[in-house]
Every structure is written in C-alpha cells, then in structure tokens.
Amino acid sequence: MIQKSEIFRNLNDYENALNTLYEALPVAEKYNLQDKQSLIYRGIGNVNGLSFEFTKAKKYLHKALKIALKLNNNDLLNKANQGLLRIHYETGSDSVEYYLKKIAFYTSKSNNLSDKYKNYSNFSKIYLDKGNPIGKKYLDSSYTIAKKIGKRENIANTLNDFGIYYINVEKNYPKALEKFFEAIELFDVSSNSNNSRVLNISYANISYCYEKMGNYKKALEYNNKYYELFEEILSGRLDAARQEIETKYQIKKIEDEFKEKQSLIEERQTRNQRLLLLFASIFILAGFIFYFYYQNLLLKQKNKIKDLDNDLQYKIISATLDGQDQERNKISGILHDHVSAILSSVGLHLSAFESSLTKEQIEDLKKTRSLLKDAHDKVRDLSHELVPPLLVKLGLQYALKDLCENNSNKLIHFEFHSTLPREKRFHPDFENRIYFIVSELLNNIIKHSGASQAKLTIEELGEKLHITIEDNGKGFDTKNINKSNGFGLTQIKARVNNMNGKMKIKSIINKGTTIQISVDE
C-alpha cells in the first residue's frame, strides 16, 4: 500500500495517494508496525507538502520523526529529516541548514554510498540555488561519490549541478554548457525514464545558457528537444504506472479469492477438532483452577505467618531499643546529676582538710585529687556519650551538625545541610531517637563504605521530617541487604517502623548509597 501510494504520487494523483496511506495506517497501528507507521506518516507529510499544505506536512513529518527517534532507526531518521528539509526549503524557513546538518549526521553513520551522495547533493543544490560558492565543495564531494557508485544517472545529475554552479555563481555560460553536454554524452536517447529525465534537465539548462549568450536559434532548438522529451517521459510514466496498478489489482483479487477458499477448507477441518478440544480443555482447566486455588491458599497462609513473624521480630527489636534508650537516658542522668555531683562534693571536702594537713599529707591529697578529677572526667564523657549535651541544650539540628564535624577527617568529609528554622525543636524522645538512628548510619559509612564524601540533609515537608544520607562509597547489593549489613540496618529499620516512618535504601556497586528516612514528627 505504501508503494501504491508512491505510484499515485508520481502521477500527481495526491488524493488517491493520501487515501491509500490512510487505509494502510490502521493496519500498521493494529499490528504495532512502528517502522511502517513512520514511513506512512512520512508519505502523508510529503504528499501534503506537494499539495502546498505545509502546516499539515510538518505535523505528519514530525510524527514520523518521533517514531524514528523512539526506534533509533538511522534510515527512518534520515528519511523523516529529508522530508522536513524539503518543506522548510520550499517555505524559505531559516531551519534549512539545521535539517541539512541533521541529514549529514545520520548519513555519516550509514555505510550506504547512495545516502552519502544524496546528502552532498542536497547541500550543493541548496547553497547553489542561493548563489553561495560554498556549494562547490559539496558538489565536488557528490561527484567523487557518484563516480565510486558508478551509476551514470548520478554522474550526469552531478554534472548538471556543476553547470548550475557555473550559471548561478560564476556566470560562466560556456563552461556551464560544457558540463551539460558531458551529461548528455553519458546517455543515448532511449525509452528509459531515468535516462530521459536526466536528458530532459540537460536540454532545459542548455536552452537557458544559449538564451543568456544571445544564441536564440540554439536556445529554441534545445527548448523544443526539452518539450518533445517531456511529452515522451509523461506518456511513458502514465503507461507504466497504469500497467503496474492494474497488475497489482489483479494479483490482489486472486490473493483474496485464494484466501477465502483456504479459510473455508480450514474451518471445516478444524470444526470437529475444536469440539473435542473444548471438552478436554474444560476438564484440564478445572483441574488447574483447583490446583492453583489450593496453592494460592497455602501461599497466603505462609505469607500471613511470615508477616506475623516479621512484625513480631520488629516489635521485639523496637521494645529492646526503646528499653535501651530509656536506660541510656536514666544512666546518663544518674552519672551527670548524681555521680558527678558526688565526686564534686568529695573534691570540696578534700579541700576543706588541706589547711590542717602536713606537707607529706598535702602531696598525697594532690594525688587523690588527680585521681578524683580523672574519675570525674570519665563520668562526664560517659554521660555525654550516652546523651550528647548539645542535643539536650540546643536540639537536633545542632547535635547532628556537631556529629558531622566530629566524624570528618582527612579520609572522609561529612557535609550537613538543613532547611529547618534554626530555633526548631522537637519532643526530646523524638530528637533522641533520630540522633541515634543517624549516628548509627554515619558509623556504617565510616566502617564499611570506603567513601570520601558524605552528605546529611534534614528537611520538613508537611508534618513529616525527611532525612537523606548520601555517600560516594563502594555501595552494596540491596537484594542481600540482611546478609551484607548484619543486625545494624535491621535495628535502624525497627526504630523507624516504631516511629511510624519509612526507610528507603538505594545503592549501586562502586557508585555509592542513598538512604532516605521519613517519619511523623
């Protein structure tokens, strides 16, 4: 049908050309023949262009181009861009050079010499029509490739283009005549339509040159040859196209009759088989339905038990971690408020005895004070490790920023970024949990990732706190996350789940890891 439309187009019967293409389009769409859809849209666009419907032409050629890009088909891309080049050239658009470059790009990826020849020929014609001498460079290239291909028609066309160059650019009509006569010498006048077309163009160009040189007798002679040959070409094309259409019609008619008879025979042969297969299929289908229903029931029960088991495990881990947090806060409070205070009080009491002691006793007292200070410092440090004072006094943002700074060194740098207001505070329990979740994740990066850069981002969206931790480390296989990361990530997941939050992990081997946490405030 696509070939049939091209016949109608060559006969200037644009209505039948379009009708044929629109008949072909539903077939291509039904069977998802995307390459054929691109060719059909290209054909519709080209016919609309020939009918001066340039807006419609661009619409359909762009559809053809879109499909060609999707398929990444170099040949279809080249064809679609050639159609758009013609439309933009005929409308005098500034986009002509853009499409020329596009065609040159796709042609450069092709090993087809004919494509390269057409490309250089396009460049030369468009530049020479404008009288731009740069067209000569492309003309030389097209002539070289035409000689490699060895087709006389291509060589003759290029010689005609050389003649156009001498007319439009150098105004050298004798030199132009030489090229046109060289083109004619390649062919004998024959019924071959391709040869006749080349000769016809040459005759018209020779007539023009003689006219410009003032030799009107010769101009009229070749002008008459042009019209005589034009009539022969038109008559030959009409006869050939008419015969081809009639032949295709007869073939299509015979094929349809054969298919109809074949369909009746096949229908009779398969009727009894279908009845037999129907009963067998019903029986087998019933067996399969029962089997899959039973297996599906078992699978649902297993999944339900597995979900309950996972839920129980998370609850156990969450309860354990909550207990640890409570104990940590309790121990930190005892160390800071009681043990530390007692040690300070002991120091004051020792100071009170200093005035009544001998010199030797004072030396012993100094040693006792030194040991007491070490004990006091260790108690303070342990208290700070259990619950950072910065977290208690200034809040989550300052504590996390301090955590990033303390963990940064020559091997790895932690960047901190927050979009929260500086004075923003959350419930103390919430801040404690988030702090230790982030602390554990940063420790994982330091121990396992091999990263040199990491970034911690916290932001508030709606009533949720979003935390993102990224690194440029070696990454890991997220499918085996439990095997590769042990109990640490399981604990963190349990903490996040216990806070009605969600945790996503994206990791690519040798490209780093991104962990996103979203929790209700």
Protein backbone atom coordinates (compact mmCIF):
# COMPACT_ATOMS: atom_id res chain seq x y z
CA MET A 1 0.00 0.00 0.00
CA ILE A 2 2.93 2.32 0.72
CA GLN A 3 4.40 1.52 -2.71
CA LYS A 4 0.98 2.01 -4.31
CA SER A 5 0.71 5.49 -2.78
CA GLU A 6 4.10 6.37 -4.26
CA ILE A 7 2.78 5.43 -7.71
CA PHE A 8 -0.20 7.76 -7.25
CA ARG A 9 2.12 10.49 -6.03
CA ASN A 10 4.37 10.15 -9.09
CA LEU A 11 1.20 10.52 -11.22
CA ASN A 12 0.36 13.72 -9.28
CA ASP A 13 -2.80 11.99 -8.05
CA TYR A 14 -2.44 13.27 -4.50
CA GLU A 15 -5.99 12.39 -3.45
CA ASN A 16 -5.56 8.66 -4.13
CA ALA A 17 -2.06 8.76 -2.68
CA LEU A 18 -3.42 10.09 0.63
CA ASN A 19 -6.42 7.71 0.63
CA THR A 20 -4.10 4.72 0.19
CA LEU A 21 -1.83 5.85 3.03
CA TYR A 22 -4.78 6.41 5.37
CA GLU A 23 -6.00 2.88 4.54
CA ALA A 24 -2.57 1.49 5.41
CA LEU A 25 -2.26 3.41 8.71
CA PRO A 26 -4.87 1.40 10.75
CA VAL A 27 -3.20 -1.85 9.68
CA ALA A 28 0.21 -0.63 10.87
CA GLU A 29 -1.32 0.60 14.15
CA LYS A 30 -3.25 -2.64 14.76
CA TYR A 31 -0.17 -4.84 14.45
CA ASN A 32 2.17 -2.25 16.06
CA LEU A 33 4.36 -1.99 12.95
CA GLN A 34 6.10 1.14 14.16
CA ASP A 35 8.65 1.33 11.34
CA LYS A 36 5.77 1.21 8.82
CA GLN A 37 3.88 3.88 10.78
CA SER A 38 6.91 6.16 10.43
CA LEU A 39 7.01 5.55 6.66
CA ILE A 40 3.24 6.19 6.34
CA TYR A 41 3.42 9.46 8.31
CA ARG A 42 6.39 10.48 6.15
CA GLY A 43 4.37 9.70 3.00
CA ILE A 44 1.37 11.72 4.25
CA GLY A 45 3.69 14.62 5.08
CA ASN A 46 5.38 14.54 1.67
CA VAL A 47 2.04 14.47 -0.21
CA ASN A 48 0.72 17.39 1.85
CA GLY A 49 3.92 19.26 1.04
CA LEU A 50 3.38 18.68 -2.68
CA SER A 51 -0.19 19.99 -2.22
CA PHE A 52 1.20 23.14 -0.51
CA GLU A 53 -0.40 22.12 2.82
CA PHE A 54 2.85 22.90 4.62
CA THR A 55 1.43 23.02 8.17
CA LYS A 56 -0.08 19.53 7.83
CA ALA A 57 3.10 18.34 6.14
CA LYS A 58 5.23 19.41 9.12
CA LYS A 59 2.76 17.81 11.56
CA TYR A 60 2.97 14.35 9.97
CA LEU A 61 6.70 14.52 9.26
CA HIS A 62 7.31 15.31 12.93
CA LYS A 63 5.18 12.26 13.85
CA ALA A 64 7.39 10.16 11.55
CA LEU A 65 10.49 11.67 13.17
CA LYS A 66 9.21 10.97 16.70
CA ILE A 67 8.71 7.25 15.95
CA ALA A 68 12.10 7.05 14.19
CA LEU A 69 13.77 8.56 17.28
CA LYS A 70 11.97 6.05 19.52
CA LEU A 71 13.15 3.16 17.32
CA ASN A 72 16.61 4.76 16.91
CA ASN A 73 16.41 3.73 13.25
CA ASN A 74 19.06 5.63 11.28
CA ASP A 75 17.36 5.07 7.90
CA LEU A 76 13.95 6.29 9.13
CA LEU A 77 15.56 9.30 10.84
CA ASN A 78 17.30 10.19 7.60
CA LYS A 79 14.05 9.90 5.57
CA ALA A 80 11.98 11.98 8.03
CA ASN A 81 14.60 14.74 8.15
CA GLN A 82 14.84 14.78 4.34
CA GLY A 83 11.08 15.38 4.16
CA LEU A 84 11.32 18.23 6.70
CA LEU A 85 14.27 19.70 4.77
CA ARG A 86 12.15 19.92 1.58
CA ILE A 87 9.26 21.61 3.42
CA HIS A 88 11.49 24.17 5.15
CA TYR A 89 13.38 24.82 1.91
CA GLU A 90 10.19 25.44 -0.06
CA THR A 91 8.77 27.74 2.64
CA GLY A 92 12.01 29.74 2.88
CA SER A 93 12.49 28.77 6.52
CA ASP A 94 15.66 29.57 8.48
CA SER A 95 15.74 25.92 9.61
CA VAL A 96 17.08 24.60 6.29
CA GLU A 97 20.68 24.41 7.49
CA TYR A 98 19.56 22.70 10.72
CA TYR A 99 17.95 19.87 8.77
CA LEU A 100 20.88 19.72 6.37
CA LYS A 101 23.17 19.09 9.34
CA LYS A 102 20.75 16.50 10.73
CA ILE A 103 20.76 14.59 7.45
CA ALA A 104 24.56 14.87 7.29
CA PHE A 105 24.81 13.40 10.80
CA TYR A 106 22.61 10.40 10.05
CA THR A 107 24.27 9.90 6.67
CA SER A 108 27.70 9.82 8.35
CA LYS A 109 26.50 6.82 10.39
CA SER A 110 25.49 4.95 7.24
CA ASN A 111 27.82 2.89 5.02
CA ASN A 112 25.45 3.37 2.08
CA LEU A 113 27.21 5.41 -0.61
CA SER A 114 23.85 6.37 -2.15
CA ASP A 115 22.83 8.06 1.13
CA LYS A 116 26.11 9.97 1.22
CA TYR A 117 25.67 11.00 -2.41
CA LYS A 118 22.14 12.34 -1.73
CA ASN A 119 23.40 14.23 1.30
CA TYR A 120 26.20 16.06 -0.51
CA SER A 121 23.88 16.66 -3.46
CA ASN A 122 21.29 18.28 -1.12
CA PHE A 123 23.95 20.57 0.35
CA SER A 124 25.26 21.62 -3.05
CA LYS A 125 21.79 22.28 -4.56
CA ILE A 126 20.57 24.44 -1.68
CA TYR A 127 23.75 26.51 -1.48
CA LEU A 128 23.99 26.91 -5.26
CA ASP A 129 20.33 27.99 -5.54
CA LYS A 130 21.28 30.85 -3.22
CA GLY A 131 24.37 31.61 -5.30
CA ASN A 132 26.61 30.64 -2.39
CA PRO A 133 30.03 29.41 -3.66
CA ILE A 134 30.39 27.06 -0.64
CA GLY A 135 28.14 24.70 -2.58
CA LYS A 136 31.10 23.90 -4.87
CA LYS A 137 32.81 21.95 -2.03
CA TYR A 138 29.78 19.69 -1.58
CA LEU A 139 29.40 19.40 -5.34
CA ASP A 140 32.97 18.06 -5.65
CA SER A 141 32.24 15.51 -2.91
CA SER A 142 29.00 14.34 -4.54
CA TYR A 143 30.77 13.94 -7.90
CA THR A 144 33.55 11.82 -6.29
CA ILE A 145 30.98 9.52 -4.62
CA ALA A 146 28.86 9.34 -7.82
CA LYS A 147 31.90 8.04 -9.69
CA LYS A 148 32.53 5.45 -6.95
CA ILE A 149 28.92 4.25 -7.20
CA GLY A 150 29.31 4.07 -10.98
CA LYS A 151 25.70 4.94 -11.90
CA ARG A 152 25.59 7.11 -15.00
CA GLU A 153 22.43 8.82 -13.82
CA ASN A 154 24.14 10.03 -10.60
CA ILE A 155 27.21 11.25 -12.51
CA ALA A 156 25.00 13.04 -15.07
CA ASN A 157 22.93 14.70 -12.31
CA THR A 158 26.12 15.97 -10.67
CA LEU A 159 27.43 17.30 -13.99
CA ASN A 160 24.12 19.19 -14.38
CA ASP A 161 24.68 20.61 -10.87
CA PHE A 162 28.17 21.74 -11.94
CA GLY A 163 26.50 23.57 -14.82
CA ILE A 164 24.09 25.27 -12.37
CA TYR A 165 27.13 26.33 -10.31
CA TYR A 166 28.78 28.00 -13.31
CA ILE A 167 25.47 29.73 -14.16
CA ASN A 168 24.48 30.97 -10.66
CA VAL A 169 27.88 31.67 -9.10
CA GLU A 170 30.48 32.34 -11.84
CA LYS A 171 28.05 33.44 -14.61
CA ASN A 172 30.27 31.42 -16.96
CA TYR A 173 27.76 30.15 -19.53
CA PRO A 174 30.25 28.49 -21.94
CA LYS A 175 31.71 26.48 -19.05
CA ALA A 176 28.20 25.54 -17.95
CA LEU A 177 27.42 24.32 -21.49
CA GLU A 178 30.46 22.00 -21.35
CA LYS A 179 29.10 20.30 -18.24
CA PHE A 180 25.58 19.92 -19.66
CA PHE A 181 26.94 18.35 -22.88
CA GLU A 182 29.13 16.00 -20.77
CA ALA A 183 25.95 14.85 -19.02
CA ILE A 184 24.20 14.21 -22.37
CA GLU A 185 27.17 12.20 -23.70
CA LEU A 186 26.72 9.67 -20.90
CA PHE A 187 23.36 8.58 -22.38
CA ASP A 188 21.76 7.71 -25.66
CA VAL A 189 18.19 8.94 -26.07
CA SER A 190 16.10 5.91 -25.10
CA SER A 191 12.81 4.97 -23.57
CA ASN A 192 14.44 4.58 -20.15
CA SER A 193 12.58 7.06 -17.95
CA ASN A 194 15.56 7.75 -15.69
CA ASN A 195 17.84 8.48 -18.65
CA SER A 196 15.14 10.61 -20.28
CA ARG A 197 14.69 12.65 -17.12
CA VAL A 198 18.42 13.48 -16.99
CA LEU A 199 18.48 14.37 -20.69
CA ASN A 200 15.37 16.49 -20.25
CA ILE A 201 17.01 18.53 -17.46
CA SER A 202 20.16 18.93 -19.55
CA TYR A 203 18.18 20.17 -22.59
CA ALA A 204 16.37 22.77 -20.47
CA ASN A 205 19.67 24.02 -18.98
CA ILE A 206 21.39 24.17 -22.39
CA SER A 207 18.47 26.21 -23.79
CA TYR A 208 18.81 28.64 -20.88
CA CYS A 209 22.59 29.06 -21.43
CA TYR A 210 22.20 29.74 -25.17
CA GLU A 211 19.49 32.29 -24.37
CA LYS A 212 21.80 34.10 -21.94
CA MET A 213 24.61 34.03 -24.54
CA GLY A 214 22.27 35.59 -27.16
CA ASN A 215 22.15 32.49 -29.42
CA TYR A 216 18.35 32.31 -29.64
CA LYS A 217 18.35 29.84 -32.54
CA LYS A 218 20.19 27.22 -30.47
CA ALA A 219 18.12 28.12 -27.42
CA LEU A 220 14.91 27.39 -29.37
CA GLU A 221 16.36 24.13 -30.78
CA TYR A 222 17.11 22.69 -27.31
CA ASN A 223 13.92 24.11 -25.88
CA ASN A 224 11.98 22.08 -28.48
CA LYS A 225 14.02 18.97 -27.62
CA TYR A 226 13.10 19.56 -23.97
CA TYR A 227 9.34 19.66 -24.69
CA GLU A 228 9.45 16.64 -27.05
CA LEU A 229 11.24 14.53 -24.48
CA PHE A 230 8.98 15.82 -21.69
CA GLU A 231 5.92 14.52 -23.54
CA GLU A 232 7.61 11.11 -24.04
CA ILE A 233 8.50 10.91 -20.35
CA LEU A 234 4.97 11.81 -19.22
CA SER A 235 3.40 9.30 -21.61
CA GLY A 236 5.83 6.56 -20.57
CA ARG A 237 5.24 7.17 -16.89
CA LEU A 238 1.48 7.09 -17.26
CA ASP A 239 1.56 3.81 -19.20
CA ALA A 240 3.99 2.16 -16.78
CA ALA A 241 2.10 3.31 -13.70
CA ARG A 242 -1.26 2.30 -15.19
CA GLN A 243 0.05 -1.17 -16.03
CA GLU A 244 1.59 -1.58 -12.56
CA ILE A 245 -1.66 -0.56 -10.83
CA GLU A 246 -3.71 -2.95 -13.00
CA THR A 247 -1.26 -5.80 -12.33
CA LYS A 248 -1.35 -5.22 -8.58
CA TYR A 249 -5.14 -5.09 -8.66
CA GLN A 250 -5.34 -8.48 -10.44
CA ILE A 251 -2.83 -10.04 -8.03
CA LYS A 252 -4.76 -8.69 -5.03
CA LYS A 253 -8.02 -10.06 -6.45
CA ILE A 254 -6.54 -13.56 -6.95
CA GLU A 255 -5.00 -13.50 -3.44
CA ASP A 256 -8.33 -12.56 -1.85
CA GLU A 257 -10.15 -15.38 -3.69
CA PHE A 258 -7.50 -17.90 -2.64
CA LYS A 259 -7.60 -16.78 0.98
CA GLU A 260 -11.39 -17.07 1.07
CA LYS A 261 -11.32 -20.67 -0.27
CA GLN A 262 -8.48 -21.61 2.06
CA SER A 263 -10.38 -20.19 5.02
CA LEU A 264 -13.48 -22.32 4.24
CA ILE A 265 -11.39 -25.50 3.98
CA GLU A 266 -9.56 -24.81 7.23
CA GLU A 267 -12.83 -24.03 9.00
CA ARG A 268 -14.31 -27.41 8.00
CA GLN A 269 -11.17 -29.28 9.04
CA THR A 270 -10.95 -27.70 12.47
CA ARG A 271 -14.66 -27.68 13.45
CA ASN A 272 -14.68 -31.23 14.89
CA GLN A 273 -11.25 -30.77 16.47
CA ARG A 274 -12.49 -27.69 18.30
CA LEU A 275 -15.41 -29.55 19.86
CA LEU A 276 -13.12 -32.31 21.09
CA LEU A 277 -10.55 -29.87 22.38
CA LEU A 278 -13.25 -27.83 24.09
CA PHE A 279 -14.32 -30.67 26.38
CA ALA A 280 -10.71 -31.67 27.06
CA SER A 281 -9.79 -28.07 27.82
CA ILE A 282 -12.70 -27.61 30.24
CA PHE A 283 -11.64 -30.69 32.19
CA ILE A 284 -7.94 -29.67 32.29
CA LEU A 285 -8.83 -26.07 33.13
CA ALA A 286 -10.95 -27.19 36.07
CA GLY A 287 -8.02 -29.24 37.37
CA PHE A 288 -5.63 -26.29 37.01
CA ILE A 289 -8.06 -23.91 38.72
CA PHE A 290 -8.42 -26.22 41.69
CA TYR A 291 -4.64 -26.79 41.92
CA PHE A 292 -3.77 -23.08 41.74
CA TYR A 293 -6.54 -22.16 44.17
CA TYR A 294 -5.16 -24.66 46.68
CA GLN A 295 -1.57 -23.49 46.17
CA ASN A 296 -2.63 -19.86 46.44
CA LEU A 297 -4.39 -20.62 49.72
CA LEU A 298 -1.27 -22.28 51.11
CA LEU A 299 0.89 -19.38 49.94
CA LYS A 300 -1.40 -16.83 51.56
CA GLN A 301 -1.22 -18.73 54.84
CA LYS A 302 2.58 -18.91 54.65
CA ASN A 303 2.83 -15.20 53.85
CA LYS A 304 0.49 -14.34 56.69
CA ILE A 305 2.59 -16.37 59.13
CA LYS A 306 5.76 -14.77 57.73
CA ASP A 307 4.26 -11.25 58.10
CA LEU A 308 3.23 -12.00 61.68
CA ASP A 309 6.70 -13.34 62.43
CA ASN A 310 8.38 -10.26 60.89
CA ASP A 311 6.02 -7.97 62.77
CA LEU A 312 6.80 -9.78 66.00
CA GLN A 313 10.54 -9.55 65.37
CA TYR A 314 10.28 -5.80 64.69
CA LYS A 315 8.23 -5.31 67.84
CA ILE A 316 10.76 -7.25 69.92
CA ILE A 317 13.65 -5.21 68.43
CA SER A 318 11.70 -1.95 68.90
CA ALA A 319 10.88 -2.79 72.51
CA THR A 320 14.52 -3.67 73.15
CA LEU A 321 15.74 -0.43 71.57
CA ASP A 322 13.16 1.63 73.47
CA GLY A 323 14.39 -0.02 76.67
CA GLN A 324 17.97 0.78 75.71
CA ASP A 325 17.04 4.43 75.10
CA GLN A 326 15.31 4.65 78.46
CA GLU A 327 18.25 3.01 80.22
CA ARG A 328 20.68 5.28 78.38
CA ASN A 329 18.79 8.41 79.49
CA LYS A 330 18.47 7.05 83.01
CA ILE A 331 22.17 6.16 83.31
CA SER A 332 23.18 9.48 81.75
CA GLY A 333 21.02 11.34 84.27
CA ILE A 334 22.44 9.37 87.19
CA LEU A 335 26.03 9.92 86.04
CA HIS A 336 25.52 13.62 85.39
CA ASP A 337 23.19 14.59 88.22
CA HIS A 338 24.29 12.23 91.00
CA VAL A 339 27.69 10.57 90.50
CA SER A 340 29.27 13.68 89.03
CA ALA A 341 27.78 15.83 91.82
CA ILE A 342 29.03 13.39 94.48
CA LEU A 343 32.55 13.45 93.01
CA SER A 344 32.49 17.26 93.03
CA SER A 345 31.33 17.23 96.66
CA VAL A 346 34.16 14.87 97.59
CA GLY A 347 36.61 17.30 96.00
CA LEU A 348 35.23 20.15 98.12
CA HIS A 349 35.56 18.08 101.30
CA LEU A 350 39.16 17.27 100.50
CA SER A 351 39.86 20.97 100.00
CA ALA A 352 38.46 21.64 103.46
CA PHE A 353 41.08 19.32 105.06
CA GLU A 354 44.02 20.80 103.18
CA SER A 355 44.78 23.53 105.73
CA SER A 356 45.17 21.06 108.60
CA LEU A 357 47.47 18.62 106.84
CA THR A 358 51.22 18.20 106.90
CA LYS A 359 53.37 18.71 103.80
CA GLU A 360 53.54 14.98 103.13
CA GLN A 361 49.78 14.62 103.58
CA ILE A 362 49.20 17.51 101.17
CA GLU A 363 51.20 15.65 98.47
CA ASP A 364 49.02 12.59 98.99
CA LEU A 365 45.97 14.82 98.82
CA LYS A 366 47.08 16.17 95.42
CA LYS A 367 47.38 12.62 94.07
CA THR A 368 43.93 11.84 95.45
CA ARG A 369 42.54 14.97 93.76
CA SER A 370 44.14 13.98 90.44
CA LEU A 371 42.56 10.52 90.59
CA LEU A 372 39.26 12.12 91.58
CA LYS A 373 39.45 14.50 88.58
CA ASP A 374 40.13 11.59 86.18
CA ALA A 375 37.11 9.76 87.58
CA HIS A 376 35.00 12.91 87.24
CA ASP A 377 36.12 13.45 83.61
CA LYS A 378 35.41 9.82 82.67
CA VAL A 379 31.95 10.01 84.23
CA ARG A 380 31.26 13.25 82.32
CA ASP A 381 32.50 11.77 78.99
CA LEU A 382 30.41 8.64 79.50
CA SER A 383 27.37 10.77 80.26
CA HIS A 384 27.93 12.79 77.09
CA GLU A 385 28.29 9.61 75.00
CA LEU A 386 25.01 8.28 76.33
CA VAL A 387 23.12 11.55 75.69
CA PRO A 388 25.05 14.44 74.00
CA PRO A 389 24.61 17.67 75.97
CA LEU A 390 24.35 19.65 72.73
CA LEU A 391 21.26 17.59 71.84
CA VAL A 392 19.65 18.39 75.19
CA LYS A 393 20.55 22.08 75.24
CA LEU A 394 20.29 23.24 71.60
CA GLY A 395 18.34 20.49 69.81
CA LEU A 396 18.59 18.01 66.98
CA GLN A 397 19.98 20.29 64.25
CA TYR A 398 22.99 21.47 66.26
CA ALA A 399 23.70 17.96 67.56
CA LEU A 400 23.68 16.46 64.04
CA LYS A 401 25.86 19.24 62.68
CA ASP A 402 28.32 18.64 65.53
CA LEU A 403 28.19 14.89 64.80
CA CYS A 404 29.15 15.53 61.14
CA GLU A 405 32.01 17.84 62.13
CA ASN A 406 33.38 15.41 64.73
CA ASN A 407 33.31 12.48 62.28
CA SER A 408 35.01 14.43 59.45
CA ASN A 409 38.75 13.88 58.94
CA LYS A 410 41.37 13.58 56.18
CA LEU A 411 39.81 10.34 54.90
CA ILE A 412 36.15 11.38 54.81
CA HIS A 413 34.21 14.64 54.92
CA PHE A 414 30.60 14.81 56.20
CA GLU A 415 28.54 17.74 54.89
CA PHE A 416 25.47 18.88 56.84
CA HIS A 417 22.51 20.70 55.30
CA SER A 418 19.20 21.68 56.95
CA THR A 419 16.19 23.65 55.69
CA LEU A 420 14.58 23.78 59.17
CA PRO A 421 14.35 27.06 61.11
CA ARG A 422 17.39 27.37 63.41
CA GLU A 423 15.24 27.52 66.54
CA LYS A 424 13.16 24.47 65.56
CA ARG A 425 12.88 21.89 68.38
CA PHE A 426 11.07 18.54 68.64
CA HIS A 427 10.00 16.38 71.54
CA PRO A 428 13.11 15.21 73.48
CA ASP A 429 12.32 11.49 72.92
CA PHE A 430 11.86 12.12 69.18
CA GLU A 431 15.18 14.01 68.97
CA ASN A 432 16.99 11.25 70.88
CA ARG A 433 15.72 8.53 68.55
CA ILE A 434 16.54 10.45 65.36
CA TYR A 435 20.01 11.35 66.66
CA PHE A 436 20.99 7.75 67.41
CA ILE A 437 19.50 6.49 64.10
CA VAL A 438 21.64 8.98 62.17
CA SER A 439 24.67 8.27 64.38
CA GLU A 440 24.44 4.53 63.59
CA LEU A 441 24.14 5.23 59.84
CA LEU A 442 27.19 7.53 59.89
CA ASN A 443 29.15 4.83 61.73
CA ASN A 444 28.19 2.35 58.98
CA ILE A 445 29.54 4.75 56.34
CA ILE A 446 32.83 5.15 58.22
CA LYS A 447 33.28 1.40 58.84
CA HIS A 448 32.02 -0.18 55.62
CA SER A 449 31.57 2.24 52.70
CA GLY A 450 35.12 3.38 51.89
CA ALA A 451 33.61 6.77 50.97
CA SER A 452 35.49 10.09 50.81
CA GLN A 453 32.38 12.31 50.74
CA ALA A 454 29.04 12.02 52.56
CA LYS A 455 26.11 14.40 52.99
CA LEU A 456 23.38 14.56 55.63
CA THR A 457 20.23 16.56 54.76
CA ILE A 458 17.22 17.18 57.01
CA GLU A 459 14.05 18.94 55.87
CA GLU A 460 10.45 19.31 56.95
CA LEU A 461 7.66 18.55 54.46
CA GLY A 462 4.15 18.83 55.84
CA GLU A 463 4.13 17.13 59.23
CA LYS A 464 6.98 14.77 58.37
CA LEU A 465 10.71 15.03 58.94
CA HIS A 466 12.76 13.83 55.95
CA ILE A 467 16.35 12.69 56.40
CA THR A 468 18.65 11.86 53.48
CA ILE A 469 22.15 10.40 53.84
CA GLU A 470 24.30 10.03 50.71
CA ASP A 471 27.85 8.76 50.20
CA ASN A 472 30.16 8.10 47.24
CA GLY A 473 31.40 4.77 48.61
CA LYS A 474 31.57 1.28 47.16
CA GLY A 475 27.86 0.53 47.63
CA PHE A 476 26.33 -2.92 48.16
CA ASP A 477 23.75 -5.33 46.77
CA THR A 478 20.40 -4.28 48.26
CA LYS A 479 18.91 -7.71 47.39
CA ASN A 480 21.18 -9.27 50.03
CA ILE A 481 20.86 -6.39 52.45
CA ASN A 482 20.29 -8.54 55.54
CA LYS A 483 23.29 -10.77 54.78
CA SER A 484 25.70 -7.99 53.94
CA ASN A 485 24.79 -5.47 56.67
CA GLY A 486 24.04 -7.70 59.64
CA PHE A 487 21.91 -6.61 62.53
CA GLY A 488 22.68 -2.84 62.25
CA LEU A 489 20.24 -1.94 59.47
CA THR A 490 17.62 -4.27 60.96
CA GLN A 491 17.82 -2.28 64.21
CA ILE A 492 17.54 1.00 62.33
CA LYS A 493 14.55 -0.26 60.32
CA ALA A 494 12.90 -1.37 63.55
CA ARG A 495 13.45 2.09 65.09
CA VAL A 496 12.00 3.82 62.00
CA ASN A 497 8.98 1.46 61.87
CA ASN A 498 8.37 2.03 65.58
CA MET A 499 8.14 5.76 64.83
CA ASN A 500 5.54 5.12 62.05
CA GLY A 501 8.18 6.03 59.50
CA LYS A 502 9.50 4.69 56.20
CA MET A 503 13.06 3.91 55.14
CA LYS A 504 14.30 3.51 51.53
CA ILE A 505 17.77 2.31 50.52
CA LYS A 506 19.22 2.79 47.03
CA SER A 507 22.75 1.53 46.41
CA ILE A 508 24.79 0.94 43.23
CA ILE A 509 28.04 -1.00 43.31
CA ASN A 510 31.03 1.41 43.08
CA LYS A 511 28.67 4.41 42.81
CA GLY A 512 27.57 4.98 46.38
CA THR A 513 24.50 4.67 48.58
CA THR A 514 21.49 6.87 49.36
CA ILE A 515 19.27 6.27 52.41
CA GLN A 516 16.01 8.20 52.82
CA ILE A 517 14.01 8.25 56.06
CA SER A 518 10.60 9.84 56.52
CA VAL A 519 8.97 9.98 60.00
CA ASP A 520 5.98 11.67 61.60
CA GLU A 521 7.04 14.46 63.94
